[in-house]
Protein backbone atom coordinates (compact mmCIF):
# COMPACT_ATOMS: atom_id res chain seq x y z
CA UNK A 1 -1.39 21.57 10.70
CA UNK A 2 -1.35 17.73 10.64
CA UNK A 3 -0.28 15.84 13.74
CA UNK A 4 3.43 15.07 13.73
CA UNK A 5 2.69 11.50 14.78
CA UNK A 6 -0.12 8.92 14.75
CA UNK A 7 -0.32 6.43 17.59
CA UNK A 8 -1.55 2.89 16.94
CA UNK A 9 -1.96 0.10 19.49
CA UNK A 10 1.49 -1.44 18.96
CA UNK A 11 3.53 1.22 17.18
CA UNK A 12 3.76 4.97 16.54
CA UNK A 13 4.11 6.54 13.09
CA UNK A 14 5.97 9.86 13.03
CA UNK A 15 5.17 11.81 9.86
CA UNK A 16 6.62 15.33 10.08
CA UNK A 17 9.24 14.65 7.35
CA UNK A 18 6.95 12.76 4.99
CA UNK A 19 4.76 14.25 2.24
CA UNK A 20 2.02 11.66 2.58
CA UNK A 21 0.62 11.48 6.10
CA UNK A 22 -1.16 8.57 7.75
CA UNK A 23 -4.51 8.27 5.99
CA UNK A 24 -7.46 5.99 5.46
CA UNK A 25 -6.07 4.49 2.23
CA UNK A 26 -2.88 3.24 3.86
CA UNK A 27 -4.67 1.89 6.92
CA UNK A 28 -7.20 0.05 4.75
CA UNK A 29 -4.53 -1.57 2.62
CA UNK A 30 -2.39 -2.55 5.60
CA UNK A 31 -5.40 -4.21 7.24
CA UNK A 32 -6.77 -5.87 4.05
CA UNK A 33 -3.81 -7.05 1.98
CA UNK A 34 -2.74 -10.67 1.60
CA UNK A 35 0.49 -11.63 3.34
CA UNK A 36 3.18 -14.31 3.29
CA UNK A 37 6.63 -15.15 4.57
CA UNK A 38 8.31 -12.45 2.46
CA UNK A 39 6.48 -9.15 2.01
CA UNK A 40 7.48 -6.05 0.03
CA UNK A 41 5.96 -2.57 0.37
CA UNK A 42 6.49 -0.40 -2.72
CA UNK A 43 6.59 3.30 -1.85
CA UNK A 44 6.86 2.78 1.90
CA UNK A 45 6.37 6.44 2.87
CA UNK A 46 6.19 6.65 6.66
CA UNK A 47 6.43 2.87 6.90
CA UNK A 48 2.78 2.58 7.97
CA UNK A 49 1.72 -0.27 5.66
CA UNK A 50 4.95 -2.21 6.19
CA UNK A 51 4.49 -1.93 9.96
CA UNK A 52 0.87 -3.09 9.74
CA UNK A 53 1.89 -6.09 7.64
CA UNK A 54 4.65 -6.94 10.12
CA UNK A 55 2.10 -6.86 12.94
CA UNK A 56 -0.46 -8.98 11.07
CA UNK A 57 2.05 -11.60 9.92
CA UNK A 58 4.41 -12.32 12.84
CA UNK A 59 6.45 -14.89 10.90
CA UNK A 60 7.05 -12.59 7.94
CA UNK A 61 10.13 -10.68 6.87
CA UNK A 62 8.94 -7.28 5.60
CA UNK A 63 10.87 -4.99 3.28
CA UNK A 64 10.02 -1.50 2.08
CA UNK A 65 11.33 0.49 -0.87
CA UNK A 66 11.09 4.30 -0.79
CA UNK A 67 12.55 6.70 -3.37
CA UNK A 68 12.33 9.91 -1.29
CA UNK A 69 15.28 10.35 1.09
CA UNK A 70 13.35 12.22 3.79
CA UNK A 71 10.48 9.73 3.77
CA UNK A 72 12.96 6.86 3.84
CA UNK A 73 14.72 8.36 6.87
CA UNK A 74 11.38 8.84 8.62
CA UNK A 75 10.30 5.27 7.88
CA UNK A 76 13.64 4.00 9.15
CA UNK A 77 13.08 5.80 12.45
CA UNK A 78 9.52 4.48 12.74
CA UNK A 79 10.59 0.91 12.03
CA UNK A 80 13.56 1.05 14.42
CA UNK A 81 11.25 2.14 17.25
CA UNK A 82 8.70 -0.59 16.57
CA UNK A 83 8.58 -4.08 18.13
CA UNK A 84 8.99 -5.58 14.64
CA UNK A 85 12.31 -3.95 13.71
CA UNK A 86 14.32 -7.21 13.64
CA UNK A 87 12.05 -8.56 10.89
CA UNK A 88 12.04 -5.41 8.75
CA UNK A 89 14.34 -3.79 6.21
CA UNK A 90 14.08 -0.55 4.23
CA UNK A 91 15.82 0.46 1.01
CA UNK A 92 16.21 4.01 -0.32
CA UNK A 93 15.74 3.49 -4.08
CA UNK A 94 13.21 3.60 -6.87
CA UNK A 95 11.33 0.37 -7.37
CA UNK A 96 12.55 0.37 -10.98
CA UNK A 97 16.18 0.27 -9.79
CA UNK A 98 15.38 -2.20 -7.02
CA UNK A 99 13.60 -4.61 -9.37
CA UNK A 100 16.33 -4.21 -11.99
CA UNK A 101 19.12 -5.27 -9.67
CA UNK A 102 20.94 -8.41 -10.76
CA UNK A 103 20.23 -10.15 -7.49
CA UNK A 104 16.81 -9.90 -5.95
CA UNK A 105 14.44 -12.05 -3.98
CA UNK A 106 10.92 -13.05 -4.87
CA UNK A 107 8.09 -12.04 -2.57
CA UNK A 108 4.97 -13.93 -1.48
CA UNK A 109 3.13 -10.65 -1.06
CA UNK A 110 3.67 -7.17 -2.49
CA UNK A 111 1.67 -4.14 -1.34
CA UNK A 112 1.50 -0.58 -2.60
CA UNK A 113 -0.45 2.63 -2.12
CA UNK A 114 0.89 3.96 -5.44
CA UNK A 115 1.04 7.47 -6.91
CA UNK A 116 -2.02 7.65 -9.12
CA UNK A 117 -2.55 11.12 -10.64
CA UNK A 118 -2.02 11.08 -14.41
CA UNK A 119 -2.05 14.21 -16.60
CA UNK A 120 -3.10 16.36 -13.64
CA UNK A 121 -1.90 19.73 -12.33
CA UNK A 122 1.44 19.29 -10.59
CA UNK A 123 1.73 20.12 -6.91
CA UNK A 124 4.42 22.81 -6.33
CA UNK A 125 5.63 20.75 -3.36
CA UNK A 126 8.08 18.40 -5.13
CA UNK A 127 8.08 15.80 -2.35
CA UNK A 128 4.27 15.62 -2.34
CA UNK A 129 4.17 15.58 -6.14
CA UNK A 130 6.46 12.52 -6.29
CA UNK A 131 4.28 10.76 -3.71
CA UNK A 132 0.99 11.45 -5.51
CA UNK A 133 1.68 11.74 -9.25
CA UNK A 134 2.42 8.74 -11.45
CA UNK A 135 5.20 10.55 -13.37
CA UNK A 136 7.98 8.88 -11.36
CA UNK A 137 6.18 5.53 -11.21
CA UNK A 138 3.78 5.01 -14.12
CA UNK A 139 1.39 2.11 -13.68
CA UNK A 140 3.15 0.16 -16.44
CA UNK A 141 6.51 0.41 -14.64
CA UNK A 142 4.93 -0.45 -11.30
CA UNK A 143 3.39 -3.62 -12.70
CA UNK A 144 6.59 -4.45 -14.56
CA UNK A 145 8.44 -4.42 -11.24
CA UNK A 146 5.70 -6.40 -9.53
CA UNK A 147 5.77 -9.16 -12.16
CA UNK A 148 9.54 -9.46 -11.79
CA UNK A 149 9.50 -9.54 -7.99
CA UNK A 150 6.32 -11.52 -7.25
CA UNK A 151 6.63 -15.25 -6.61
CA UNK A 152 4.69 -17.60 -8.86
CA UNK A 153 1.89 -17.99 -6.32
CA UNK A 154 2.27 -14.54 -4.75
CA UNK A 155 -0.35 -11.77 -4.51
CA UNK A 156 0.03 -8.04 -5.24
CA UNK A 157 -2.40 -5.85 -3.29
CA UNK A 158 -3.03 -2.13 -3.77
CA UNK A 159 -5.46 0.67 -2.95
CA UNK A 160 -6.52 2.87 -5.84
CA UNK A 161 -9.06 5.68 -6.42
CA UNK A 162 -12.22 4.57 -8.23
CA UNK A 163 -11.46 6.82 -11.22
CA UNK A 164 -8.06 5.13 -11.70
CA UNK A 165 -9.22 1.53 -11.42
CA UNK A 166 -9.89 0.81 -15.10
CA UNK A 167 -6.39 2.03 -16.06
CA UNK A 168 -4.86 0.05 -13.20
CA UNK A 169 -6.69 -3.13 -14.23
CA UNK A 170 -5.65 -2.59 -17.84
CA UNK A 171 -1.96 -2.35 -16.98
CA UNK A 172 -2.20 -5.38 -14.74
CA UNK A 173 -3.71 -7.38 -17.58
CA UNK A 174 -1.08 -6.20 -20.06
CA UNK A 175 1.60 -7.49 -17.67
CA UNK A 176 -0.09 -10.87 -17.39
CA UNK A 177 -1.67 -10.43 -13.97
CA UNK A 178 -5.21 -11.46 -13.04
CA UNK A 179 -7.60 -9.88 -10.57
CA UNK A 180 -8.21 -12.36 -7.75
CA UNK A 181 -9.91 -10.14 -5.17
CA UNK A 182 -11.42 -6.66 -4.99
CA UNK A 183 -13.34 -4.58 -2.47
CA UNK A 184 -15.24 -1.44 -3.44
CA UNK A 185 -15.19 1.11 -0.62
CA UNK A 186 -17.78 3.80 0.08
CA UNK A 187 -17.16 6.39 2.79
CA UNK A 188 -20.87 6.32 3.76
CA UNK A 189 -23.84 4.38 2.37
CA UNK A 190 -25.08 7.36 0.32
CA UNK A 191 -21.76 8.32 -1.23
CA UNK A 192 -20.40 6.71 -4.41
CA UNK A 193 -17.54 4.22 -4.36
CA UNK A 194 -14.44 6.31 -3.76
CA UNK A 195 -11.65 3.71 -3.69
CA UNK A 196 -10.93 0.09 -4.44
CA UNK A 197 -8.79 -2.45 -2.65
CA UNK A 198 -7.50 -4.77 -5.38
CA UNK A 199 -5.37 -7.91 -5.50
CA UNK A 200 -3.68 -9.54 -8.50
CA UNK A 201 -1.84 -12.80 -9.12
CA UNK A 202 0.02 -14.54 -11.94
CA UNK A 203 -2.70 -17.17 -12.29
CA UNK A 204 -6.47 -16.64 -12.58
CA UNK A 205 -8.67 -17.49 -9.63
CA UNK A 206 -11.51 -19.98 -9.99
CA UNK A 207 -13.72 -17.31 -8.42
CA UNK A 208 -12.78 -13.65 -7.99
CA UNK A 209 -13.66 -12.48 -4.49
CA UNK A 210 -15.67 -9.25 -4.75
CA UNK A 211 -17.53 -7.20 -2.18
CA UNK A 212 -18.61 -3.65 -1.40
CA UNK A 213 -18.26 -2.02 2.01
CA UNK A 214 -18.81 1.29 3.78
CA UNK A 215 -16.49 2.94 6.30
CA UNK A 216 -19.06 4.82 8.35
CA UNK A 217 -22.75 4.10 8.99
CA UNK A 218 -23.15 7.61 10.42
CA UNK A 219 -20.80 10.55 10.91
CA UNK A 220 -17.94 9.36 13.12
CA UNK A 221 -19.45 5.89 13.57
CA UNK A 222 -17.35 3.15 11.98
CA UNK A 223 -19.15 0.35 10.20
CA UNK A 224 -18.91 -3.17 11.56
CA UNK A 225 -16.61 -4.07 8.64
CA UNK A 226 -14.26 -1.10 9.14
CA UNK A 227 -14.21 -1.51 12.90
CA UNK A 228 -13.44 -5.19 12.54
CA UNK A 229 -10.64 -4.87 10.01
CA UNK A 230 -8.87 -2.12 12.00
CA UNK A 231 -9.58 -3.41 15.52
CA UNK A 232 -6.01 -4.52 16.15
CA UNK A 233 -4.60 -1.13 15.10
CA UNK A 234 -6.71 1.86 16.09
CA UNK A 235 -6.70 2.87 19.74
């Protein structure tokens, strides 16, 4: 049974009411993503990524949108107990509804660990299915919301499985977004690339930043890159 909470250096994430627990993908994105004065987390879940962004960018106002009521309530509790609560806000809604509201703000940075399974067997756990399958948030609708909410010079950052990257890039391009940065992530040096950290903007970059990293150099031994990027978070 997963731990009911995960303790970081400056905050605690309770996760007993949330389908998606604290995991490597969320931690990587929260530690890697570009920031700004106004930050939006799409699919906030436990609130992990939003909390990490609030810690990394002390002058930022961070908002999170979460469609699942139980996850939203959990994130609200986690945020309220954190030292960043005065700079954070959560909304219980779909990103489609949030982006379609008549009045909305633009964001310097948007982050998301999106549902990514397409045409796959559905999980009988409805809450977990919504969190993992793209049925409720197809890539096209995600990028449509991002384009509407992202400021002209803002950056959208996401973490995506390697097998989903080509589809993700395609939808970004169709919505007029350009890849400006990407990091291929291997779990160990001998394993294939399992996930990508990707960033998009409304204008092309003169040079796209690309690199490839590993998380562990040996079993249980974090790489210098992984240790460095998470140093301010992991105990």
